[in-house]
Amino acid sequence: MHNLTIFRYNPIVPRLMEARHRARGVTQDYNNLDAKSVSYEKIADVRYELLQKVVGKVGSGTFVEPPFNPDYGCNIVIGRDCFINFK
């Protein structure tokens, strides 16, 4: 017989609430980046920097078309040279 430990997900634990709040703040900046204020040459770099702040790991050359709406982000790993389109 196996000994299993069951962990219950509770989204209102302060640590998880804080993580969601942080992810939502960064992704709000990511999704609402004003293309009129950032040149097309730099927008990918600015979005990449924001993406690095929200996901667990992201490879170079990656671009995610907004909107991007993770719950926490820290559990997401994206390889290099990935393009993720919007729906």
N, C-alpha and C. Protein backbone atom coordinates (compact mmCIF):
# COMPACT_ATOMS: atom_id res chain seq x y z
N MET A 1 0.84 -1.18 0.00
CA MET A 1 0.00 0.00 0.00
C MET A 1 0.89 1.25 0.00
N HIS A 2 0.51 2.22 -0.78
CA HIS A 2 1.27 3.46 -0.90
C HIS A 2 0.78 4.49 0.10
N ASN A 3 1.71 5.22 0.64
CA ASN A 3 1.35 6.34 1.50
C ASN A 3 1.30 7.60 0.63
N LEU A 4 0.13 8.14 0.50
CA LEU A 4 -0.05 9.34 -0.30
C LEU A 4 -0.37 10.52 0.60
N THR A 5 0.24 11.63 0.29
CA THR A 5 -0.09 12.87 0.97
C THR A 5 -0.96 13.68 0.04
N ILE A 6 -2.08 14.10 0.52
CA ILE A 6 -3.01 14.87 -0.29
C ILE A 6 -2.90 16.34 0.10
N PHE A 7 -2.64 17.15 -0.90
CA PHE A 7 -2.57 18.59 -0.70
C PHE A 7 -3.81 19.21 -1.32
N ARG A 8 -4.49 19.99 -0.57
CA ARG A 8 -5.68 20.65 -1.09
C ARG A 8 -5.31 22.05 -1.56
N TYR A 9 -5.78 22.36 -2.74
CA TYR A 9 -5.55 23.69 -3.31
C TYR A 9 -6.52 24.67 -2.67
N ASN A 10 -5.97 25.70 -2.09
CA ASN A 10 -6.79 26.73 -1.48
C ASN A 10 -6.33 28.07 -2.05
N PRO A 11 -7.07 28.64 -3.01
CA PRO A 11 -6.63 29.85 -3.69
C PRO A 11 -6.62 31.10 -2.82
N ILE A 12 -7.18 31.03 -1.62
CA ILE A 12 -7.18 32.22 -0.78
C ILE A 12 -6.09 32.22 0.28
N VAL A 13 -5.16 31.29 0.17
CA VAL A 13 -3.99 31.32 1.04
C VAL A 13 -3.21 32.59 0.68
N PRO A 14 -2.79 33.36 1.66
CA PRO A 14 -2.13 34.64 1.36
C PRO A 14 -0.98 34.55 0.35
N ARG A 15 -0.18 33.51 0.43
CA ARG A 15 0.95 33.37 -0.50
C ARG A 15 0.46 33.26 -1.94
N LEU A 16 -0.62 32.51 -2.16
CA LEU A 16 -1.16 32.36 -3.51
C LEU A 16 -1.87 33.63 -3.97
N MET A 17 -2.56 34.29 -3.06
CA MET A 17 -3.20 35.56 -3.41
C MET A 17 -2.16 36.59 -3.83
N GLU A 18 -1.06 36.63 -3.11
CA GLU A 18 0.02 37.55 -3.43
C GLU A 18 0.64 37.22 -4.80
N ALA A 19 0.84 35.94 -5.06
CA ALA A 19 1.43 35.52 -6.34
C ALA A 19 0.51 35.87 -7.51
N ARG A 20 -0.79 35.65 -7.35
CA ARG A 20 -1.74 36.01 -8.41
C ARG A 20 -1.77 37.52 -8.63
N HIS A 21 -1.75 38.25 -7.54
CA HIS A 21 -1.77 39.71 -7.62
C HIS A 21 -0.55 40.22 -8.39
N ARG A 22 0.60 39.67 -8.06
CA ARG A 22 1.85 40.05 -8.74
C ARG A 22 1.79 39.70 -10.23
N ALA A 23 1.36 38.49 -10.54
CA ALA A 23 1.27 38.06 -11.94
C ALA A 23 0.30 38.93 -12.72
N ARG A 24 -0.81 39.28 -12.11
CA ARG A 24 -1.80 40.11 -12.80
C ARG A 24 -1.27 41.51 -13.07
N GLY A 25 -0.48 42.04 -12.13
CA GLY A 25 0.10 43.37 -12.33
C GLY A 25 1.08 43.39 -13.48
N VAL A 26 1.96 42.39 -13.53
CA VAL A 26 2.96 42.34 -14.61
C VAL A 26 2.29 42.08 -15.95
N THR A 27 1.32 41.16 -15.97
CA THR A 27 0.67 40.85 -17.24
C THR A 27 -0.21 42.00 -17.70
N GLN A 28 -0.71 42.80 -16.77
CA GLN A 28 -1.44 44.00 -17.19
C GLN A 28 -0.51 44.94 -17.95
N ASP A 29 0.71 45.11 -17.43
CA ASP A 29 1.70 45.93 -18.14
C ASP A 29 2.02 45.31 -19.50
N TYR A 30 2.18 43.98 -19.52
CA TYR A 30 2.51 43.26 -20.75
C TYR A 30 1.41 43.44 -21.78
N ASN A 31 0.17 43.20 -21.37
CA ASN A 31 -0.95 43.23 -22.30
C ASN A 31 -1.32 44.63 -22.76
N ASN A 32 -1.02 45.62 -21.95
CA ASN A 32 -1.42 46.99 -22.26
C ASN A 32 -0.26 47.87 -22.71
N LEU A 33 0.83 47.27 -23.09
CA LEU A 33 1.97 48.04 -23.58
C LEU A 33 1.54 48.83 -24.81
N ASP A 34 1.71 50.12 -24.74
CA ASP A 34 1.25 51.01 -25.80
C ASP A 34 2.21 50.95 -26.99
N ALA A 35 1.74 50.36 -28.06
CA ALA A 35 2.57 50.23 -29.27
C ALA A 35 2.90 51.59 -29.88
N LYS A 36 2.17 52.62 -29.51
CA LYS A 36 2.46 53.97 -30.01
C LYS A 36 3.64 54.60 -29.29
N SER A 37 3.92 54.13 -28.07
CA SER A 37 5.00 54.73 -27.28
C SER A 37 6.30 53.92 -27.33
N VAL A 38 6.24 52.71 -27.88
CA VAL A 38 7.43 51.86 -27.99
C VAL A 38 7.60 51.50 -29.46
N SER A 39 8.78 51.72 -29.99
CA SER A 39 9.02 51.44 -31.41
C SER A 39 8.92 49.94 -31.69
N TYR A 40 8.64 49.61 -32.94
CA TYR A 40 8.53 48.20 -33.30
C TYR A 40 9.85 47.46 -33.10
N GLU A 41 10.98 48.18 -33.17
CA GLU A 41 12.28 47.55 -32.96
C GLU A 41 12.48 47.15 -31.49
N LYS A 42 11.80 47.83 -30.58
CA LYS A 42 12.02 47.60 -29.15
C LYS A 42 10.89 46.87 -28.45
N ILE A 43 9.73 46.77 -29.06
CA ILE A 43 8.58 46.21 -28.36
C ILE A 43 8.80 44.76 -27.96
N ALA A 44 9.46 43.98 -28.80
CA ALA A 44 9.74 42.59 -28.45
C ALA A 44 10.66 42.51 -27.23
N ASP A 45 11.65 43.39 -27.16
CA ASP A 45 12.56 43.40 -26.01
C ASP A 45 11.85 43.80 -24.73
N VAL A 46 11.00 44.80 -24.81
CA VAL A 46 10.26 45.25 -23.63
C VAL A 46 9.33 44.14 -23.14
N ARG A 47 8.63 43.51 -24.07
CA ARG A 47 7.72 42.42 -23.68
C ARG A 47 8.51 41.23 -23.12
N TYR A 48 9.66 40.94 -23.68
CA TYR A 48 10.48 39.84 -23.17
C TYR A 48 10.90 40.11 -21.72
N GLU A 49 11.30 41.34 -21.43
CA GLU A 49 11.68 41.69 -20.05
C GLU A 49 10.51 41.51 -19.09
N LEU A 50 9.32 41.91 -19.51
CA LEU A 50 8.14 41.73 -18.68
C LEU A 50 7.81 40.24 -18.51
N LEU A 51 7.95 39.48 -19.59
CA LEU A 51 7.69 38.04 -19.53
C LEU A 51 8.63 37.36 -18.55
N GLN A 52 9.89 37.79 -18.52
CA GLN A 52 10.86 37.22 -17.58
C GLN A 52 10.44 37.46 -16.13
N LYS A 53 9.70 38.52 -15.89
CA LYS A 53 9.27 38.84 -14.52
C LYS A 53 8.10 37.99 -14.05
N VAL A 54 7.38 37.38 -14.99
CA VAL A 54 6.16 36.67 -14.60
C VAL A 54 6.26 35.15 -14.75
N VAL A 55 7.00 34.64 -15.72
CA VAL A 55 7.07 33.19 -15.89
C VAL A 55 8.30 32.62 -15.18
N GLY A 56 8.25 31.31 -14.94
CA GLY A 56 9.37 30.66 -14.26
C GLY A 56 10.65 30.70 -15.06
N LYS A 57 10.53 30.46 -16.37
CA LYS A 57 11.70 30.48 -17.25
C LYS A 57 11.23 30.75 -18.67
N VAL A 58 11.99 31.58 -19.36
CA VAL A 58 11.67 31.88 -20.76
C VAL A 58 12.98 31.97 -21.54
N GLY A 59 13.01 31.28 -22.67
CA GLY A 59 14.20 31.29 -23.50
C GLY A 59 14.29 32.53 -24.37
N SER A 60 15.49 32.84 -24.80
CA SER A 60 15.70 34.01 -25.65
C SER A 60 14.95 33.85 -26.97
N GLY A 61 14.59 34.96 -27.54
CA GLY A 61 13.90 34.95 -28.83
C GLY A 61 12.44 34.59 -28.75
N THR A 62 11.88 34.53 -27.55
CA THR A 62 10.47 34.16 -27.38
C THR A 62 9.59 35.40 -27.40
N PHE A 63 8.44 35.26 -28.03
CA PHE A 63 7.47 36.34 -28.08
C PHE A 63 6.08 35.75 -27.89
N VAL A 64 5.33 36.33 -26.96
CA VAL A 64 3.95 35.91 -26.71
C VAL A 64 3.05 37.08 -27.09
N GLU A 65 2.17 36.84 -28.06
CA GLU A 65 1.22 37.89 -28.44
C GLU A 65 0.23 38.09 -27.31
N PRO A 66 -0.02 39.33 -26.94
CA PRO A 66 -1.04 39.57 -25.93
C PRO A 66 -2.44 39.31 -26.51
N PRO A 67 -3.39 38.98 -25.68
CA PRO A 67 -3.33 38.96 -24.23
C PRO A 67 -2.73 37.66 -23.69
N PHE A 68 -1.98 37.80 -22.63
CA PHE A 68 -1.37 36.69 -21.91
C PHE A 68 -1.90 36.79 -20.48
N ASN A 69 -2.58 35.74 -20.01
CA ASN A 69 -3.26 35.81 -18.72
C ASN A 69 -3.01 34.57 -17.85
N PRO A 70 -1.81 34.43 -17.31
CA PRO A 70 -1.56 33.30 -16.42
C PRO A 70 -2.10 33.59 -15.02
N ASP A 71 -2.43 32.53 -14.28
CA ASP A 71 -2.85 32.73 -12.89
C ASP A 71 -1.67 33.15 -12.03
N TYR A 72 -0.59 32.38 -12.13
CA TYR A 72 0.59 32.65 -11.31
C TYR A 72 1.82 32.93 -12.16
N GLY A 73 2.00 32.17 -13.23
CA GLY A 73 3.12 32.38 -14.14
C GLY A 73 4.39 31.66 -13.74
N CYS A 74 4.66 31.56 -12.45
CA CYS A 74 5.93 30.99 -11.99
C CYS A 74 6.08 29.52 -12.36
N ASN A 75 5.00 28.84 -12.66
CA ASN A 75 5.06 27.43 -13.03
C ASN A 75 5.12 27.22 -14.55
N ILE A 76 5.30 28.29 -15.30
CA ILE A 76 5.36 28.21 -16.76
C ILE A 76 6.81 28.28 -17.23
N VAL A 77 7.16 27.34 -18.11
CA VAL A 77 8.49 27.31 -18.72
C VAL A 77 8.30 27.35 -20.24
N ILE A 78 8.95 28.32 -20.88
CA ILE A 78 8.85 28.47 -22.33
C ILE A 78 10.26 28.40 -22.90
N GLY A 79 10.43 27.58 -23.92
CA GLY A 79 11.74 27.42 -24.54
C GLY A 79 12.17 28.64 -25.35
N ARG A 80 13.31 28.52 -25.99
CA ARG A 80 13.83 29.65 -26.77
C ARG A 80 13.20 29.66 -28.16
N ASP A 81 13.19 30.85 -28.74
CA ASP A 81 12.67 31.07 -30.10
C ASP A 81 11.24 30.57 -30.28
N CYS A 82 10.41 30.78 -29.27
CA CYS A 82 9.00 30.38 -29.35
C CYS A 82 8.15 31.60 -29.71
N PHE A 83 7.16 31.35 -30.50
CA PHE A 83 6.16 32.38 -30.79
C PHE A 83 4.83 31.81 -30.38
N ILE A 84 4.16 32.49 -29.47
CA ILE A 84 2.85 32.05 -29.00
C ILE A 84 1.84 33.11 -29.44
N ASN A 85 0.89 32.67 -30.25
CA ASN A 85 -0.08 33.58 -30.82
C ASN A 85 -1.27 33.75 -29.89
N PHE A 86 -2.09 34.72 -30.17
CA PHE A 86 -3.31 34.92 -29.39
C PHE A 86 -4.43 34.15 -30.05
N LYS A 87 -5.55 34.04 -29.34
CA LYS A 87 -6.66 33.26 -29.90
C LYS A 87 -7.40 33.96 -30.97
